[in-house]
Amino acid sequence: MRLVSTINEFQGNLATRFLSDQWLGGIDFSQLTMLGGCILNALYDLPFSDTTEQDVNLIYLSNNGADFEIIVMNTIIKLQAMASKCFKEELKVEKTPGRHRYDVVLPCGVKLNFFLISTGNSKSPLSHVLHNFDMDISQVAFTGDRIISTFAFLQALATKSFIVYSLHAETSKNVCNRIAKYCKRGFTLLEPINFDGSFDMLMKQLDIPLYRIEYQDFTDDDGEVQFMTTEYWRGYARNIDTFQLQEGFIAAACSTTLEYKQ
């Protein structure tokens, strides 16, 4: 596969593979940013084999949850208005309890995932977020007119390989599933030299859902039966660089540059 040469080719692939002509006009890119696997897909002249299973991720970079709710609701209204011109079906909207996340399934079948990502006091929020992703192959964003990525993402494209910085011997199955997806798309996982995990064992783990509830009953000190509800959320995998791969690369490639001279 070869990479596209122009932004028009990229946008054409978005329209062909993710039907963006039916929803992109409803996205305000001054507030939302697209990122992740769908962008990588559209950067190639041929689609991935699992294109129909891919979602589109849209993030709001802020620390304000109330603003996020308003932006998503306004976006849903615009998307519904656009969809009603071609479809009779309503949008399907699902909010993850306790999280700033909405999943919106359009009548055309495309799924849009909306997230709020806090950037703290970062002076460059998008760069901050991209560099915190645990996989270099996913460190790419589309801002409506530009594609922005990390240097690590460009290296992944150039070598058709990828690094999972958070990889360790007890990595969750959720992360392993994501690794398997990129391997099936033709990319090679680069394992750290000291990695001592077994993917066969890791894949035997139970999947951790994004959100789940457990109900329990117990008898209190007065002999009365009480009920307890516990909510669980799956945490996001961050770029924690278990084996300090990035530090090692910089130290090896730029040792003379980083050397302190008195």
C-alpha atoms as a PDB file:
ATOM      1  CA  MET A   1       0.000   0.000   0.000  1.00  0.00           C
ATOM      2  CA  ARG A   2       1.118   3.545  -0.651  1.00  0.00           C
ATOM      3  CA  LEU A   3       0.305   6.727   1.210  1.00  0.00           C
ATOM      4  CA  VAL A   4      -1.879   9.437  -0.285  1.00  0.00           C
ATOM      5  CA  SER A   5      -0.152  12.496  -1.721  1.00  0.00           C
ATOM      6  CA  THR A   6      -2.677  15.257  -1.046  1.00  0.00           C
ATOM      7  CA  ILE A   7      -5.202  16.325   1.559  1.00  0.00           C
ATOM      8  CA  ASN A   8      -7.896  15.936  -1.112  1.00  0.00           C
ATOM      9  CA  GLU A   9      -7.025  12.251  -1.498  1.00  0.00           C
ATOM     10  CA  PHE A  10      -7.199  11.849   2.262  1.00  0.00           C
ATOM     11  CA  GLN A  11     -10.602  13.528   2.457  1.00  0.00           C
ATOM     12  CA  GLY A  12     -11.797  11.427  -0.468  1.00  0.00           C
ATOM     13  CA  ASN A  13     -10.861   8.277   1.433  1.00  0.00           C
ATOM     14  CA  LEU A  14     -12.720   9.558   4.506  1.00  0.00           C
ATOM     15  CA  ALA A  15     -15.812  10.022   2.355  1.00  0.00           C
ATOM     16  CA  THR A  16     -15.517   6.605   0.702  1.00  0.00           C
ATOM     17  CA  ARG A  17     -14.627   4.550   3.770  1.00  0.00           C
ATOM     18  CA  PHE A  18     -16.372   6.444   6.576  1.00  0.00           C
ATOM     19  CA  LEU A  19     -19.139   8.237   4.622  1.00  0.00           C
ATOM     20  CA  SER A  20     -17.876  11.566   5.933  1.00  0.00           C
ATOM     21  CA  ASP A  21     -19.925  13.501   3.369  1.00  0.00           C
ATOM     22  CA  GLN A  22     -22.968  12.552   5.474  1.00  0.00           C
ATOM     23  CA  TRP A  23     -21.677  13.877   8.816  1.00  0.00           C
ATOM     24  CA  LEU A  24     -18.440  15.872   8.512  1.00  0.00           C
ATOM     25  CA  GLY A  25     -20.377  19.093   7.930  1.00  0.00           C
ATOM     26  CA  GLY A  26     -21.888  18.719  11.392  1.00  0.00           C
ATOM     27  CA  ILE A  27     -18.496  18.767  13.122  1.00  0.00           C
ATOM     28  CA  ASP A  28     -17.158  22.088  14.370  1.00  0.00           C
ATOM     29  CA  PHE A  29     -13.401  21.664  14.122  1.00  0.00           C
ATOM     30  CA  SER A  30     -12.820  24.829  16.113  1.00  0.00           C
ATOM     31  CA  GLN A  31     -14.042  22.776  19.075  1.00  0.00           C
ATOM     32  CA  LEU A  32     -13.506  19.122  18.143  1.00  0.00           C
ATOM     33  CA  THR A  33     -10.541  17.199  16.754  1.00  0.00           C
ATOM     34  CA  MET A  34     -10.579  13.856  14.948  1.00  0.00           C
ATOM     35  CA  LEU A  35      -7.893  11.335  15.818  1.00  0.00           C
ATOM     36  CA  GLY A  36      -6.865   7.696  15.770  1.00  0.00           C
ATOM     37  CA  GLY A  37      -7.177   4.721  13.465  1.00  0.00           C
ATOM     38  CA  CYS A  38      -9.641   6.167  10.955  1.00  0.00           C
ATOM     39  CA  ILE A  39      -7.079   8.826  10.011  1.00  0.00           C
ATOM     40  CA  LEU A  40      -4.362   6.212   9.558  1.00  0.00           C
ATOM     41  CA  ASN A  41      -6.769   4.239   7.353  1.00  0.00           C
ATOM     42  CA  ALA A  42      -7.565   7.237   5.150  1.00  0.00           C
ATOM     43  CA  LEU A  43      -3.860   8.020   4.719  1.00  0.00           C
ATOM     44  CA  TYR A  44      -3.435   4.850   2.639  1.00  0.00           C
ATOM     45  CA  ASP A  45      -4.626   4.415  -0.923  1.00  0.00           C
ATOM     46  CA  LEU A  46      -6.269   1.082  -0.052  1.00  0.00           C
ATOM     47  CA  PRO A  47      -8.584   0.532   2.944  1.00  0.00           C
ATOM     48  CA  PHE A  48      -7.840  -1.789   5.845  1.00  0.00           C
ATOM     49  CA  SER A  49      -9.686  -5.106   5.833  1.00  0.00           C
ATOM     50  CA  ASP A  50     -11.548  -4.148   9.018  1.00  0.00           C
ATOM     51  CA  THR A  51     -12.608  -0.681   7.856  1.00  0.00           C
ATOM     52  CA  THR A  52     -16.310  -1.370   8.419  1.00  0.00           C
ATOM     53  CA  GLU A  53     -15.547  -2.166  12.080  1.00  0.00           C
ATOM     54  CA  GLN A  54     -13.651   1.072  12.729  1.00  0.00           C
ATOM     55  CA  ASP A  55     -15.130   3.988  14.678  1.00  0.00           C
ATOM     56  CA  VAL A  56     -14.397   7.681  14.291  1.00  0.00           C
ATOM     57  CA  ASN A  57     -13.001   9.335  17.434  1.00  0.00           C
ATOM     58  CA  LEU A  58     -13.641  13.022  18.118  1.00  0.00           C
ATOM     59  CA  ILE A  59     -12.195  14.768  21.160  1.00  0.00           C
ATOM     60  CA  TYR A  60     -12.784  18.039  22.951  1.00  0.00           C
ATOM     61  CA  LEU A  61      -9.584  19.330  24.525  1.00  0.00           C
ATOM     62  CA  SER A  62     -10.578  21.093  27.715  1.00  0.00           C
ATOM     63  CA  ASN A  63     -10.994  20.813  31.456  1.00  0.00           C
ATOM     64  CA  ASN A  64     -14.631  21.927  31.280  1.00  0.00           C
ATOM     65  CA  GLY A  65     -17.116  19.053  31.351  1.00  0.00           C
ATOM     66  CA  ALA A  66     -20.151  21.352  31.098  1.00  0.00           C
ATOM     67  CA  ASP A  67     -18.889  22.860  27.842  1.00  0.00           C
ATOM     68  CA  PHE A  68     -18.296  19.366  26.478  1.00  0.00           C
ATOM     69  CA  GLU A  69     -21.901  18.361  27.169  1.00  0.00           C
ATOM     70  CA  ILE A  70     -23.208  21.456  25.363  1.00  0.00           C
ATOM     71  CA  ILE A  71     -20.908  20.952  22.367  1.00  0.00           C
ATOM     72  CA  VAL A  72     -21.872  17.291  21.971  1.00  0.00           C
ATOM     73  CA  MET A  73     -25.597  18.033  22.272  1.00  0.00           C
ATOM     74  CA  ASN A  74     -25.359  20.795  19.654  1.00  0.00           C
ATOM     75  CA  THR A  75     -23.378  18.486  17.377  1.00  0.00           C
ATOM     76  CA  ILE A  76     -25.960  15.716  17.742  1.00  0.00           C
ATOM     77  CA  ILE A  77     -28.722  18.152  16.766  1.00  0.00           C
ATOM     78  CA  LYS A  78     -26.809  19.119  13.609  1.00  0.00           C
ATOM     79  CA  LEU A  79     -26.054  15.490  12.768  1.00  0.00           C
ATOM     80  CA  GLN A  80     -29.707  14.528  13.180  1.00  0.00           C
ATOM     81  CA  ALA A  81     -30.764  17.355  10.875  1.00  0.00           C
ATOM     82  CA  MET A  82     -28.288  16.185   8.240  1.00  0.00           C
ATOM     83  CA  ALA A  83     -29.315  12.533   8.577  1.00  0.00           C
ATOM     84  CA  SER A  84     -33.042  13.312   8.317  1.00  0.00           C
ATOM     85  CA  LYS A  85     -32.532  14.447   4.720  1.00  0.00           C
ATOM     86  CA  CYS A  86     -31.588  10.905   3.664  1.00  0.00           C
ATOM     87  CA  PHE A  87     -32.830   8.562   6.398  1.00  0.00           C
ATOM     88  CA  LYS A  88     -35.964   8.044   8.447  1.00  0.00           C
ATOM     89  CA  GLU A  89     -34.084   6.482  11.362  1.00  0.00           C
ATOM     90  CA  GLU A  90     -32.983   8.484  14.378  1.00  0.00           C
ATOM     91  CA  LEU A  91     -29.418   8.647  15.625  1.00  0.00           C
ATOM     92  CA  LYS A  92     -28.587   6.188  18.389  1.00  0.00           C
ATOM     93  CA  VAL A  93     -26.900   7.984  21.277  1.00  0.00           C
ATOM     94  CA  GLU A  94     -25.299   6.246  24.249  1.00  0.00           C
ATOM     95  CA  LYS A  95     -23.581   8.015  27.132  1.00  0.00           C
ATOM     96  CA  THR A  96     -21.099   6.148  29.292  1.00  0.00           C
ATOM     97  CA  PRO A  97     -22.234   6.702  32.910  1.00  0.00           C
ATOM     98  CA  GLY A  98     -19.779   8.669  34.994  1.00  0.00           C
ATOM     99  CA  ARG A  99     -17.623   9.567  32.002  1.00  0.00           C
ATOM    100  CA  HIS A 100     -17.457  12.407  29.528  1.00  0.00           C
ATOM    101  CA  ARG A 101     -18.077  10.117  26.570  1.00  0.00           C
ATOM    102  CA  TYR A 102     -20.860   9.757  24.022  1.00  0.00           C
ATOM    103  CA  ASP A 103     -21.149   7.104  21.311  1.00  0.00           C
ATOM    104  CA  VAL A 104     -23.335   8.144  18.384  1.00  0.00           C
ATOM    105  CA  VAL A 105     -24.362   5.631  15.718  1.00  0.00           C
ATOM    106  CA  LEU A 106     -25.545   7.343  12.542  1.00  0.00           C
ATOM    107  CA  PRO A 107     -28.286   5.878  10.310  1.00  0.00           C
ATOM    108  CA  CYS A 108     -25.609   5.220   7.665  1.00  0.00           C
ATOM    109  CA  GLY A 109     -23.895   2.848  10.131  1.00  0.00           C
ATOM    110  CA  VAL A 110     -20.877   4.975  11.035  1.00  0.00           C
ATOM    111  CA  LYS A 111     -20.142   5.283  14.752  1.00  0.00           C
ATOM    112  CA  LEU A 112     -18.790   8.542  16.160  1.00  0.00           C
ATOM    113  CA  ASN A 113     -17.193   8.488  19.616  1.00  0.00           C
ATOM    114  CA  PHE A 114     -17.006  11.803  21.467  1.00  0.00           C
ATOM    115  CA  PHE A 115     -14.544  12.228  24.355  1.00  0.00           C
ATOM    116  CA  LEU A 116     -13.464  14.959  26.702  1.00  0.00           C
ATOM    117  CA  ILE A 117      -9.719  14.866  27.327  1.00  0.00           C
ATOM    118  CA  SER A 118      -8.311  17.079  30.038  1.00  0.00           C
ATOM    119  CA  THR A 119      -5.069  18.824  29.120  1.00  0.00           C
ATOM    120  CA  GLY A 120      -4.327  20.555  32.408  1.00  0.00           C
ATOM    121  CA  ASN A 121      -2.254  23.683  31.903  1.00  0.00           C
ATOM    122  CA  SER A 122      -0.578  22.477  28.715  1.00  0.00           C
ATOM    123  CA  LYS A 123       0.414  25.268  26.320  1.00  0.00           C
ATOM    124  CA  SER A 124       0.036  22.883  23.372  1.00  0.00           C
ATOM    125  CA  PRO A 125      -3.005  20.707  24.221  1.00  0.00           C
ATOM    126  CA  LEU A 126      -3.138  18.623  21.035  1.00  0.00           C
ATOM    127  CA  SER A 127       0.573  17.828  21.120  1.00  0.00           C
ATOM    128  CA  HIS A 128       0.228  16.963  24.805  1.00  0.00           C
ATOM    129  CA  VAL A 129      -2.576  14.499  24.058  1.00  0.00           C
ATOM    130  CA  LEU A 130      -0.917  12.864  21.050  1.00  0.00           C
ATOM    131  CA  HIS A 131       2.354  12.297  22.888  1.00  0.00           C
ATOM    132  CA  ASN A 132       0.451  10.692  25.759  1.00  0.00           C
ATOM    133  CA  PHE A 133      -1.108   7.980  23.578  1.00  0.00           C
ATOM    134  CA  ASP A 134       0.325   4.572  24.405  1.00  0.00           C
ATOM    135  CA  MET A 135       0.807   3.530  20.743  1.00  0.00           C
ATOM    136  CA  ASP A 136       2.926   5.564  18.333  1.00  0.00           C
ATOM    137  CA  ILE A 137       0.807   4.362  15.395  1.00  0.00           C
ATOM    138  CA  SER A 138      -2.231   6.199  16.793  1.00  0.00           C
ATOM    139  CA  GLN A 139      -0.518   9.539  17.485  1.00  0.00           C
ATOM    140  CA  VAL A 140      -2.212  11.410  14.628  1.00  0.00           C
ATOM    141  CA  ALA A 141      -5.038  13.949  14.396  1.00  0.00           C
ATOM    142  CA  PHE A 142      -7.115  15.770  11.764  1.00  0.00           C
ATOM    143  CA  THR A 143      -8.166  19.341  12.533  1.00  0.00           C
ATOM    144  CA  GLY A 144     -10.485  19.868   9.565  1.00  0.00           C
ATOM    145  CA  ASP A 145      -7.831  21.176   7.189  1.00  0.00           C
ATOM    146  CA  ARG A 146      -4.561  19.747   8.502  1.00  0.00           C
ATOM    147  CA  ILE A 147      -3.141  16.408   9.601  1.00  0.00           C
ATOM    148  CA  ILE A 148      -0.974  16.678  12.714  1.00  0.00           C
ATOM    149  CA  SER A 149       1.147  13.862  14.134  1.00  0.00           C
ATOM    150  CA  THR A 150       4.119  13.095  16.323  1.00  0.00           C
ATOM    151  CA  PHE A 151       7.508  12.208  14.879  1.00  0.00           C
ATOM    152  CA  ALA A 152       7.038   8.716  16.336  1.00  0.00           C
ATOM    153  CA  PHE A 153       3.922   8.288  14.164  1.00  0.00           C
ATOM    154  CA  LEU A 154       5.922   9.179  11.041  1.00  0.00           C
ATOM    155  CA  GLN A 155       8.540   6.601  12.021  1.00  0.00           C
ATOM    156  CA  ALA A 156       5.789   4.002  12.382  1.00  0.00           C
ATOM    157  CA  LEU A 157       4.530   4.805   8.874  1.00  0.00           C
ATOM    158  CA  ALA A 158       8.029   4.691   7.407  1.00  0.00           C
ATOM    159  CA  THR A 159       8.856   1.303   8.941  1.00  0.00           C
ATOM    160  CA  LYS A 160       5.375  -0.304   8.891  1.00  0.00           C
ATOM    161  CA  SER A 161       5.954  -1.138  12.548  1.00  0.00           C
ATOM    162  CA  PHE A 162       4.648   0.194  15.839  1.00  0.00           C
ATOM    163  CA  ILE A 163       5.575   0.458  19.502  1.00  0.00           C
ATOM    164  CA  VAL A 164       3.272   0.065  22.500  1.00  0.00           C
ATOM    165  CA  TYR A 165       5.015   2.080  25.175  1.00  0.00           C
ATOM    166  CA  SER A 166       2.835   0.743  27.983  1.00  0.00           C
ATOM    167  CA  LEU A 167       3.465  -2.924  27.101  1.00  0.00           C
ATOM    168  CA  HIS A 168       4.318  -5.118  30.085  1.00  0.00           C
ATOM    169  CA  ALA A 169       3.841  -8.705  31.245  1.00  0.00           C
ATOM    170  CA  GLU A 170       0.359  -8.025  32.643  1.00  0.00           C
ATOM    171  CA  THR A 171      -1.002  -5.812  29.877  1.00  0.00           C
ATOM    172  CA  SER A 172      -4.813  -5.889  29.726  1.00  0.00           C
ATOM    173  CA  LYS A 173      -6.604  -7.847  27.029  1.00  0.00           C
ATOM    174  CA  ASN A 174      -8.133  -4.617  25.780  1.00  0.00           C
ATOM    175  CA  VAL A 175      -4.671  -3.347  24.817  1.00  0.00           C
ATOM    176  CA  CYS A 176      -3.750  -6.744  23.349  1.00  0.00           C
ATOM    177  CA  ASN A 177      -6.866  -6.615  21.163  1.00  0.00           C
ATOM    178  CA  ARG A 178      -5.740  -3.255  19.818  1.00  0.00           C
ATOM    179  CA  ILE A 179      -2.280  -4.673  19.138  1.00  0.00           C
ATOM    180  CA  ALA A 180      -3.841  -7.556  17.201  1.00  0.00           C
ATOM    181  CA  LYS A 181      -5.851  -5.117  15.065  1.00  0.00           C
ATOM    182  CA  TYR A 182      -2.775  -3.234  13.905  1.00  0.00           C
ATOM    183  CA  CYS A 183      -0.904  -6.468  13.242  1.00  0.00           C
ATOM    184  CA  LYS A 184      -3.785  -7.614  11.008  1.00  0.00           C
ATOM    185  CA  ARG A 185      -3.553  -4.290   9.189  1.00  0.00           C
ATOM    186  CA  GLY A 186      -0.001  -5.120   8.149  1.00  0.00           C
ATOM    187  CA  PHE A 187       2.042  -3.445  10.884  1.00  0.00           C
ATOM    188  CA  THR A 188       4.701  -5.257  12.919  1.00  0.00           C
ATOM    189  CA  LEU A 189       4.802  -4.903  16.697  1.00  0.00           C
ATOM    190  CA  LEU A 190       8.261  -4.042  18.018  1.00  0.00           C
ATOM    191  CA  GLU A 191       8.626  -5.672  21.423  1.00  0.00           C
ATOM    192  CA  PRO A 192      11.084  -4.274  23.974  1.00  0.00           C
ATOM    193  CA  ILE A 193      14.139  -6.508  24.403  1.00  0.00           C
ATOM    194  CA  ASN A 194      13.254  -7.143  28.049  1.00  0.00           C
ATOM    195  CA  PHE A 195       9.564  -7.870  27.450  1.00  0.00           C
ATOM    196  CA  ASP A 196       8.766 -11.098  29.296  1.00  0.00           C
ATOM    197  CA  GLY A 197       5.035 -11.422  28.677  1.00  0.00           C
ATOM    198  CA  SER A 198       3.175 -14.100  26.736  1.00  0.00           C
ATOM    199  CA  PHE A 199       0.537 -12.854  24.284  1.00  0.00           C
ATOM    200  CA  ASP A 200      -1.104 -16.287  24.304  1.00  0.00           C
ATOM    201  CA  MET A 201      -1.623 -15.955  28.053  1.00  0.00           C
ATOM    202  CA  LEU A 202      -2.605 -12.291  27.877  1.00  0.00           C
ATOM    203  CA  MET A 203      -5.287 -13.013  25.276  1.00  0.00           C
ATOM    204  CA  LYS A 204      -6.870 -15.570  27.615  1.00  0.00           C
ATOM    205  CA  GLN A 205      -7.803 -12.790  30.019  1.00  0.00           C
ATOM    206  CA  LEU A 206     -11.389 -11.659  30.304  1.00  0.00           C
ATOM    207  CA  ASP A 207     -12.315  -8.514  28.422  1.00  0.00           C
ATOM    208  CA  ILE A 208     -12.808  -5.515  30.686  1.00  0.00           C
ATOM    209  CA  PRO A 209     -15.869  -3.576  29.499  1.00  0.00           C
ATOM    210  CA  LEU A 210     -15.777   0.191  29.282  1.00  0.00           C
ATOM    211  CA  TYR A 211     -18.380   0.348  32.055  1.00  0.00           C
ATOM    212  CA  ARG A 212     -19.990  -2.255  34.271  1.00  0.00           C
ATOM    213  CA  ILE A 213     -22.078  -2.472  37.441  1.00  0.00           C
ATOM    214  CA  GLU A 214     -21.902  -5.088  40.180  1.00  0.00           C
ATOM    215  CA  TYR A 215     -24.732  -5.657  42.644  1.00  0.00           C
ATOM    216  CA  GLN A 216     -24.119  -7.265  46.027  1.00  0.00           C
ATOM    217  CA  ASP A 217     -26.235  -7.947  49.073  1.00  0.00           C
ATOM    218  CA  PHE A 218     -24.988  -8.402  52.622  1.00  0.00           C
ATOM    219  CA  THR A 219     -26.320  -8.640  56.148  1.00  0.00           C
ATOM    220  CA  ASP A 220     -25.465  -5.743  58.423  1.00  0.00           C
ATOM    221  CA  ASP A 221     -24.822  -5.827  62.195  1.00  0.00           C
ATOM    222  CA  ASP A 222     -28.550  -5.525  62.883  1.00  0.00           C
ATOM    223  CA  GLY A 223     -29.334  -8.609  60.815  1.00  0.00           C
ATOM    224  CA  GLU A 224     -30.922  -6.611  58.010  1.00  0.00           C
ATOM    225  CA  VAL A 225     -30.163  -7.329  54.354  1.00  0.00           C
ATOM    226  CA  GLN A 226     -28.536  -4.390  52.615  1.00  0.00           C
ATOM    227  CA  PHE A 227     -27.811  -3.900  48.927  1.00  0.00           C
ATOM    228  CA  MET A 228     -24.711  -2.317  47.447  1.00  0.00           C
ATOM    229  CA  THR A 229     -24.053  -1.146  43.911  1.00  0.00           C
ATOM    230  CA  THR A 230     -20.498  -0.722  42.651  1.00  0.00           C
ATOM    231  CA  GLU A 231     -19.589   0.928  39.347  1.00  0.00           C
ATOM    232  CA  TYR A 232     -16.387   0.160  37.443  1.00  0.00           C
ATOM    233  CA  TRP A 233     -14.788   2.039  34.563  1.00  0.00           C
ATOM    234  CA  ARG A 234     -11.995   0.801  32.344  1.00  0.00           C
ATOM    235  CA  GLY A 235      -9.039   3.133  32.579  1.00  0.00           C
ATOM    236  CA  TYR A 236      -7.294   4.607  29.552  1.00  0.00           C
ATOM    237  CA  ALA A 237      -3.894   3.254  28.562  1.00  0.00           C
ATOM    238  CA  ARG A 238      -1.371   6.080  28.777  1.00  0.00           C
ATOM    239  CA  ASN A 239       2.123   6.436  27.419  1.00  0.00           C
ATOM    240  CA  ILE A 240       3.903   5.338  30.592  1.00  0.00           C
ATOM    241  CA  ASP A 241       6.862   3.863  28.650  1.00  0.00           C
ATOM    242  CA  THR A 242       7.389   0.798  30.827  1.00  0.00           C
ATOM    243  CA  PHE A 243      10.848   0.039  29.439  1.00  0.00           C
ATOM    244  CA  GLN A 244      11.885   3.709  28.953  1.00  0.00           C
ATOM    245  CA  LEU A 245      12.127   3.154  25.203  1.00  0.00           C
ATOM    246  CA  GLN A 246      11.894   6.828  24.350  1.00  0.00           C
ATOM    247  CA  GLU A 247      14.596   7.818  26.818  1.00  0.00           C
ATOM    248  CA  GLY A 248      16.830   5.045  25.508  1.00  0.00           C
ATOM    249  CA  PHE A 249      16.327   6.134  21.900  1.00  0.00           C
ATOM    250  CA  ILE A 250      17.111   9.764  22.649  1.00  0.00           C
ATOM    251  CA  ALA A 251      20.162   8.809  24.696  1.00  0.00           C
ATOM    252  CA  ALA A 252      21.519   6.619  21.881  1.00  0.00           C
ATOM    253  CA  ALA A 253      20.677   8.914  18.972  1.00  0.00           C
ATOM    254  CA  CYS A 254      21.562  12.227  20.566  1.00  0.00           C
ATOM    255  CA  SER A 255      24.153  11.352  23.184  1.00  0.00           C
ATOM    256  CA  THR A 256      26.559  14.063  22.080  1.00  0.00           C
ATOM    257  CA  THR A 257      23.785  16.635  21.894  1.00  0.00           C
ATOM    258  CA  LEU A 258      22.543  15.851  25.378  1.00  0.00           C
ATOM    259  CA  GLU A 259      25.980  15.658  26.943  1.00  0.00           C
ATOM    260  CA  TYR A 260      26.414  18.351  29.547  1.00  0.00           C
ATOM    261  CA  LYS A 261      29.477  20.418  28.875  1.00  0.00           C
ATOM    262  CA  GLN A 262      31.066  22.375  31.696  1.00  0.00           C
END
